[in-house]
């Protein structure tokens, strides 16, 4: 089992950047696929990005490609989400998630992930 803690959220202006971190407990971080999801007020939670266990492959929501970058540092048990040129519509609670499945077929699906953090709020003002 793994526990996930997100950090790095906050209030920023449109056009600013933020980097979210997701730190995992335990010694087996490198065996988990990591994902980021977000939930805006009144909307369902949606996929943002995911990264395979080694970090060799990354996946993004089509609408976020080019602005968001997911990465991981297995030595630090941490996954990151770099968010650039933020827009007011990026305002949401951002969650990191983890699971131990190797395949990438369902990597964009919320139901795949077994472990979730508590979320960190990102608010982008116009």
Foldseek 3Di string as FASTA:
>chain_A
DKAKAKDWADEEAQQAKTKMKIAIDDLPLLQKKKFKWWDDPPGDIFGAKIAASVRPDIDGDPVQPPFWDWGADSVRRMIMIIGGRDDQVVWTWMKMFIDRDHDCPCVGPPVRTDYIYPTDTHGYHD
